[in-house]
């Protein structure tokens, strides 16, 4: 399961807005620090943060995948360890029970429900 990458509606909107503002003047200055350069700078900052965020998500996905595989490997090893104890000492042994297994004689058999009689 991969994490969903993110896009930015604000960044898309700003890119359309800057294209429209360029038609007024490529070096538009509206005063109070409202310049095309400041606008581009803010857009670049958001773009950089977005790229860094999506890169981190990729790293998290890779770490999740490695963890999942390590857990599967550990589970397999645990099963093999118990089977090794069973092959060396037997499934009815005290050692098998100490290793986490259930002795052969102590297993509970599943109770099956009787089928209802079919009436014709």
N, C-alpha and C. Protein backbone atom coordinates (compact mmCIF):
# COMPACT_ATOMS: atom_id res chain seq x y z
N UNK A 1 0.84 -1.16 0.00
CA UNK A 1 0.00 0.00 0.00
C UNK A 1 0.89 1.24 0.00
N UNK A 2 0.85 1.96 -1.05
CA UNK A 2 1.69 3.15 -1.13
C UNK A 2 0.92 4.37 -0.67
N UNK A 3 1.65 5.32 -0.12
CA UNK A 3 1.04 6.57 0.31
C UNK A 3 0.70 7.40 -0.92
N UNK A 4 -0.37 8.14 -0.81
CA UNK A 4 -0.82 8.94 -1.94
C UNK A 4 0.02 10.20 -2.05
N UNK A 5 0.56 10.44 -3.21
CA UNK A 5 1.36 11.63 -3.45
C UNK A 5 0.44 12.83 -3.50
N UNK A 6 0.98 13.96 -3.17
CA UNK A 6 0.17 15.16 -3.06
C UNK A 6 0.50 16.14 -4.16
N UNK A 7 -0.51 16.84 -4.61
CA UNK A 7 -0.32 17.97 -5.51
C UNK A 7 -0.84 19.20 -4.78
N UNK A 8 -0.68 20.37 -5.37
CA UNK A 8 -1.09 21.58 -4.69
C UNK A 8 -2.00 22.41 -5.59
N UNK A 9 -3.24 22.56 -5.13
CA UNK A 9 -4.17 23.40 -5.88
C UNK A 9 -3.72 24.85 -5.85
N UNK A 10 -3.16 25.27 -4.71
CA UNK A 10 -2.67 26.65 -4.58
C UNK A 10 -1.55 26.92 -5.58
N UNK A 11 -0.65 25.95 -5.74
CA UNK A 11 0.46 26.12 -6.68
C UNK A 11 -0.05 26.16 -8.12
N UNK A 12 -0.99 25.30 -8.45
CA UNK A 12 -1.58 25.31 -9.80
C UNK A 12 -2.28 26.64 -10.07
N UNK A 13 -3.00 27.11 -9.07
CA UNK A 13 -3.71 28.39 -9.21
C UNK A 13 -2.71 29.54 -9.39
N UNK A 14 -1.65 29.53 -8.61
CA UNK A 14 -0.63 30.60 -8.69
C UNK A 14 0.07 30.59 -10.05
N UNK A 15 0.30 29.41 -10.62
CA UNK A 15 0.94 29.34 -11.94
C UNK A 15 0.04 29.96 -13.01
N UNK A 16 -1.25 29.72 -12.89
CA UNK A 16 -2.18 30.35 -13.85
C UNK A 16 -2.23 31.86 -13.62
N UNK A 17 -2.20 32.25 -12.34
CA UNK A 17 -2.28 33.68 -12.01
C UNK A 17 -1.05 34.42 -12.51
N UNK A 18 0.14 33.83 -12.35
CA UNK A 18 1.37 34.54 -12.78
C UNK A 18 1.39 34.68 -14.30
N UNK A 19 0.85 33.70 -15.01
CA UNK A 19 0.78 33.82 -16.47
C UNK A 19 -0.12 34.99 -16.86
N UNK A 20 -1.22 35.14 -16.12
CA UNK A 20 -2.13 36.26 -16.41
C UNK A 20 -1.48 37.59 -16.04
N UNK A 21 -0.76 37.64 -14.92
CA UNK A 21 -0.11 38.88 -14.50
C UNK A 21 1.00 39.30 -15.45
N UNK A 22 1.66 38.33 -16.08
CA UNK A 22 2.72 38.65 -17.05
C UNK A 22 2.15 39.41 -18.24
N UNK A 23 0.88 39.17 -18.55
CA UNK A 23 0.28 39.88 -19.68
C UNK A 23 0.12 41.37 -19.37
N UNK A 24 0.05 41.71 -18.09
CA UNK A 24 0.01 43.13 -17.71
C UNK A 24 1.41 43.72 -17.83
N UNK A 25 2.37 43.06 -17.16
CA UNK A 25 3.76 43.50 -17.21
C UNK A 25 4.64 42.38 -16.66
N UNK A 26 5.74 42.05 -17.37
CA UNK A 26 6.61 40.98 -16.88
C UNK A 26 7.28 41.32 -15.55
N UNK A 27 7.44 42.59 -15.25
CA UNK A 27 8.08 43.02 -14.00
C UNK A 27 7.09 43.83 -13.16
N UNK A 28 5.89 43.37 -13.03
CA UNK A 28 4.83 44.09 -12.32
C UNK A 28 5.21 44.31 -10.86
N UNK A 29 5.04 45.54 -10.39
CA UNK A 29 5.31 45.90 -8.99
C UNK A 29 4.09 46.68 -8.49
N UNK A 30 3.34 46.06 -7.56
CA UNK A 30 2.12 46.67 -7.05
C UNK A 30 2.34 47.38 -5.71
N UNK A 31 3.59 47.48 -5.28
CA UNK A 31 3.91 48.13 -4.01
C UNK A 31 3.68 47.17 -2.84
N UNK A 32 4.13 47.57 -1.66
CA UNK A 32 3.98 46.75 -0.45
C UNK A 32 4.53 45.33 -0.64
N UNK A 33 5.66 45.22 -1.31
CA UNK A 33 6.33 43.94 -1.56
C UNK A 33 5.53 42.99 -2.45
N UNK A 34 4.59 43.51 -3.18
CA UNK A 34 3.81 42.69 -4.12
C UNK A 34 4.44 42.79 -5.50
N UNK A 35 5.51 41.99 -5.69
CA UNK A 35 6.22 42.00 -6.96
C UNK A 35 6.15 40.62 -7.59
N UNK A 36 6.42 40.59 -8.87
CA UNK A 36 6.44 39.31 -9.58
C UNK A 36 7.54 38.41 -9.00
N UNK A 37 8.67 39.01 -8.66
CA UNK A 37 9.78 38.23 -8.10
C UNK A 37 9.39 37.60 -6.77
N UNK A 38 8.70 38.34 -5.90
CA UNK A 38 8.25 37.80 -4.61
C UNK A 38 7.24 36.67 -4.83
N UNK A 39 6.38 36.86 -5.82
CA UNK A 39 5.37 35.86 -6.14
C UNK A 39 6.03 34.57 -6.63
N UNK A 40 7.00 34.71 -7.56
CA UNK A 40 7.74 33.54 -8.07
C UNK A 40 8.49 32.85 -6.93
N UNK A 41 9.08 33.63 -6.06
CA UNK A 41 9.83 33.08 -4.94
C UNK A 41 8.93 32.25 -4.03
N UNK A 42 7.76 32.75 -3.75
CA UNK A 42 6.80 32.03 -2.91
C UNK A 42 6.33 30.75 -3.60
N UNK A 43 6.11 30.84 -4.92
CA UNK A 43 5.72 29.65 -5.68
C UNK A 43 6.82 28.60 -5.65
N UNK A 44 8.08 29.04 -5.82
CA UNK A 44 9.20 28.11 -5.79
C UNK A 44 9.34 27.45 -4.42
N UNK A 45 9.09 28.21 -3.37
CA UNK A 45 9.18 27.64 -2.02
C UNK A 45 8.13 26.55 -1.83
N UNK A 46 6.90 26.81 -2.24
CA UNK A 46 5.84 25.81 -2.13
C UNK A 46 6.18 24.59 -2.98
N UNK A 47 6.69 24.82 -4.16
CA UNK A 47 7.08 23.72 -5.05
C UNK A 47 8.18 22.86 -4.41
N UNK A 48 9.16 23.51 -3.78
CA UNK A 48 10.24 22.77 -3.12
C UNK A 48 9.71 21.95 -1.94
N UNK A 49 8.82 22.56 -1.14
CA UNK A 49 8.24 21.83 0.00
C UNK A 49 7.42 20.64 -0.48
N UNK A 50 6.67 20.84 -1.54
CA UNK A 50 5.84 19.76 -2.09
C UNK A 50 6.71 18.61 -2.60
N UNK A 51 7.78 18.96 -3.29
CA UNK A 51 8.70 17.94 -3.80
C UNK A 51 9.35 17.18 -2.64
N UNK A 52 9.78 17.90 -1.61
CA UNK A 52 10.39 17.26 -0.44
C UNK A 52 9.39 16.35 0.26
N UNK A 53 8.15 16.79 0.38
CA UNK A 53 7.10 15.99 1.02
C UNK A 53 6.87 14.70 0.26
N UNK A 54 6.74 14.78 -1.05
CA UNK A 54 6.50 13.59 -1.86
C UNK A 54 7.71 12.65 -1.84
N UNK A 55 8.91 13.21 -1.78
CA UNK A 55 10.12 12.39 -1.67
C UNK A 55 10.13 11.64 -0.34
N UNK A 56 9.74 12.33 0.74
CA UNK A 56 9.68 11.68 2.05
C UNK A 56 8.65 10.55 2.05
N UNK A 57 7.53 10.76 1.37
CA UNK A 57 6.53 9.70 1.28
C UNK A 57 7.10 8.47 0.59
N UNK A 58 7.91 8.67 -0.42
CA UNK A 58 8.55 7.55 -1.11
C UNK A 58 9.48 6.81 -0.16
N UNK A 59 10.22 7.55 0.67
CA UNK A 59 11.12 6.93 1.63
C UNK A 59 10.32 6.16 2.69
N UNK A 60 9.20 6.71 3.12
CA UNK A 60 8.34 6.02 4.09
C UNK A 60 7.79 4.74 3.48
N UNK A 61 7.37 4.80 2.22
CA UNK A 61 6.86 3.60 1.55
C UNK A 61 7.93 2.52 1.48
N UNK A 62 9.17 2.91 1.18
CA UNK A 62 10.27 1.94 1.11
C UNK A 62 10.53 1.34 2.48
N UNK A 63 10.51 2.17 3.52
CA UNK A 63 10.74 1.67 4.89
C UNK A 63 9.61 0.73 5.30
N UNK A 64 8.37 1.07 4.95
CA UNK A 64 7.23 0.21 5.28
C UNK A 64 7.38 -1.14 4.60
N UNK A 65 7.81 -1.13 3.35
CA UNK A 65 7.99 -2.37 2.61
C UNK A 65 9.08 -3.24 3.24
N UNK A 66 10.20 -2.61 3.62
CA UNK A 66 11.29 -3.35 4.27
C UNK A 66 10.84 -3.94 5.60
N UNK A 67 10.09 -3.16 6.38
CA UNK A 67 9.59 -3.63 7.67
C UNK A 67 8.65 -4.80 7.49
N UNK A 68 7.76 -4.70 6.53
CA UNK A 68 6.81 -5.77 6.26
C UNK A 68 7.53 -7.06 5.88
N UNK A 69 8.54 -6.94 5.02
CA UNK A 69 9.30 -8.12 4.61
C UNK A 69 10.08 -8.70 5.79
N UNK A 70 10.66 -7.85 6.63
CA UNK A 70 11.40 -8.32 7.80
C UNK A 70 10.47 -9.05 8.77
N UNK A 71 9.24 -8.55 8.92
CA UNK A 71 8.26 -9.22 9.79
C UNK A 71 7.90 -10.60 9.25
N UNK A 72 7.72 -10.70 7.93
CA UNK A 72 7.42 -12.00 7.32
C UNK A 72 8.58 -12.97 7.53
N UNK A 73 9.81 -12.47 7.34
CA UNK A 73 10.98 -13.32 7.53
C UNK A 73 11.09 -13.80 8.97
N UNK A 74 10.81 -12.90 9.92
CA UNK A 74 10.86 -13.25 11.33
C UNK A 74 9.79 -14.28 11.67
N UNK A 75 8.60 -14.11 11.11
CA UNK A 75 7.51 -15.06 11.34
C UNK A 75 7.89 -16.45 10.83
N UNK A 76 8.49 -16.49 9.64
CA UNK A 76 8.94 -17.77 9.08
C UNK A 76 10.01 -18.41 9.96
N UNK A 77 10.94 -17.59 10.43
CA UNK A 77 12.00 -18.10 11.29
C UNK A 77 11.42 -18.64 12.60
N UNK A 78 10.43 -17.94 13.16
CA UNK A 78 9.79 -18.41 14.39
C UNK A 78 9.15 -19.77 14.17
N UNK A 79 8.48 -19.93 13.05
CA UNK A 79 7.84 -21.20 12.73
C UNK A 79 8.89 -22.31 12.57
N UNK A 80 9.99 -21.98 11.89
CA UNK A 80 11.05 -22.98 11.71
C UNK A 80 11.70 -23.36 13.04
N UNK A 81 11.85 -22.39 13.93
CA UNK A 81 12.43 -22.69 15.25
C UNK A 81 11.54 -23.66 16.01
N UNK A 82 10.22 -23.43 16.00
CA UNK A 82 9.31 -24.33 16.69
C UNK A 82 9.31 -25.71 16.04
N UNK A 83 9.36 -25.75 14.71
CA UNK A 83 9.41 -27.05 14.02
C UNK A 83 10.72 -27.78 14.32
N UNK A 84 11.79 -27.01 14.50
CA UNK A 84 13.07 -27.62 14.87
C UNK A 84 13.01 -28.26 16.24
N UNK A 85 12.37 -27.58 17.19
CA UNK A 85 12.19 -28.15 18.53
C UNK A 85 11.32 -29.40 18.43
N UNK A 86 10.27 -29.34 17.61
CA UNK A 86 9.37 -30.49 17.44
C UNK A 86 10.11 -31.68 16.84
N UNK A 87 10.98 -31.43 15.88
CA UNK A 87 11.70 -32.55 15.26
C UNK A 87 12.75 -33.14 16.19
N UNK A 88 13.31 -32.31 17.05
CA UNK A 88 14.34 -32.81 17.97
C UNK A 88 13.74 -33.48 19.20
N UNK A 89 12.69 -32.90 19.78
CA UNK A 89 12.14 -33.41 21.03
C UNK A 89 10.77 -34.06 20.88
N UNK A 90 10.09 -33.81 19.78
CA UNK A 90 8.76 -34.37 19.56
C UNK A 90 7.68 -33.37 19.94
N UNK A 91 6.49 -33.54 19.33
CA UNK A 91 5.40 -32.60 19.58
C UNK A 91 4.69 -32.86 20.90
N UNK A 92 4.98 -33.94 21.56
CA UNK A 92 4.37 -34.22 22.85
C UNK A 92 5.32 -33.92 24.00
N UNK A 93 6.45 -33.32 23.72
CA UNK A 93 7.47 -33.09 24.74
C UNK A 93 7.24 -31.80 25.52
N UNK A 94 7.85 -31.75 26.69
CA UNK A 94 7.80 -30.56 27.52
C UNK A 94 8.56 -29.41 26.85
N UNK A 95 9.65 -29.73 26.16
CA UNK A 95 10.43 -28.71 25.46
C UNK A 95 9.62 -28.02 24.37
N UNK A 96 8.79 -28.80 23.68
CA UNK A 96 7.94 -28.24 22.63
C UNK A 96 6.96 -27.24 23.23
N UNK A 97 6.41 -27.59 24.39
CA UNK A 97 5.48 -26.69 25.07
C UNK A 97 6.22 -25.45 25.57
N UNK A 98 7.44 -25.63 26.07
CA UNK A 98 8.24 -24.50 26.55
C UNK A 98 8.57 -23.54 25.41
N UNK A 99 8.71 -24.06 24.20
CA UNK A 99 9.03 -23.23 23.03
C UNK A 99 7.81 -22.50 22.48
N UNK A 100 6.63 -22.81 23.04
CA UNK A 100 5.43 -22.11 22.60
C UNK A 100 4.45 -22.96 21.83
N UNK A 101 4.76 -24.23 21.65
CA UNK A 101 3.85 -25.12 20.94
C UNK A 101 2.81 -25.70 21.89
N UNK A 102 1.79 -26.31 21.33
CA UNK A 102 0.77 -26.99 22.12
C UNK A 102 1.00 -28.49 21.95
N UNK A 103 1.14 -29.16 23.09
CA UNK A 103 1.40 -30.61 23.03
C UNK A 103 0.30 -31.32 22.25
N UNK A 104 0.70 -32.41 21.62
CA UNK A 104 -0.21 -33.17 20.78
C UNK A 104 -1.45 -33.62 21.56
N UNK A 105 -1.25 -34.08 22.78
CA UNK A 105 -2.37 -34.59 23.58
C UNK A 105 -3.25 -33.49 24.14
N UNK A 106 -2.83 -32.26 24.12
CA UNK A 106 -3.60 -31.16 24.70
C UNK A 106 -4.34 -30.33 23.66
N UNK A 107 -4.24 -30.72 22.43
CA UNK A 107 -4.93 -29.97 21.37
C UNK A 107 -6.43 -30.20 21.46
N UNK A 108 -7.18 -29.16 21.23
CA UNK A 108 -8.63 -29.27 21.23
C UNK A 108 -9.09 -29.51 19.81
N UNK A 109 -9.89 -30.51 19.67
CA UNK A 109 -10.43 -30.79 18.34
C UNK A 109 -11.62 -29.88 18.09
N UNK A 110 -11.78 -29.41 16.86
CA UNK A 110 -12.91 -28.54 16.57
C UNK A 110 -14.24 -29.29 16.68
N UNK A 111 -15.23 -28.64 17.23
CA UNK A 111 -16.55 -29.23 17.36
C UNK A 111 -17.33 -28.89 16.10
N UNK A 112 -17.79 -29.92 15.45
CA UNK A 112 -18.54 -29.69 14.22
C UNK A 112 -20.03 -29.76 14.52
N UNK A 113 -20.74 -28.86 13.90
CA UNK A 113 -22.19 -28.85 14.09
C UNK A 113 -22.81 -29.94 13.24
N UNK A 114 -23.80 -30.60 13.82
CA UNK A 114 -24.51 -31.64 13.06
C UNK A 114 -25.37 -30.98 12.00
N UNK A 115 -25.39 -31.60 10.84
CA UNK A 115 -26.21 -31.07 9.74
C UNK A 115 -27.68 -31.30 10.06
N UNK A 116 -28.49 -30.32 9.76
CA UNK A 116 -29.93 -30.44 9.99
C UNK A 116 -30.49 -31.47 9.03
N UNK A 117 -31.40 -32.27 9.54
CA UNK A 117 -32.02 -33.29 8.70
C UNK A 117 -32.90 -32.65 7.65
N UNK A 118 -32.74 -33.13 6.44
CA UNK A 118 -33.51 -32.58 5.34
C UNK A 118 -34.86 -33.31 5.28
N UNK A 119 -35.90 -32.56 5.35
CA UNK A 119 -37.24 -33.17 5.29
C UNK A 119 -37.80 -33.02 3.89
N UNK A 120 -38.46 -34.07 3.43
CA UNK A 120 -38.97 -34.04 2.07
C UNK A 120 -40.43 -33.73 2.04
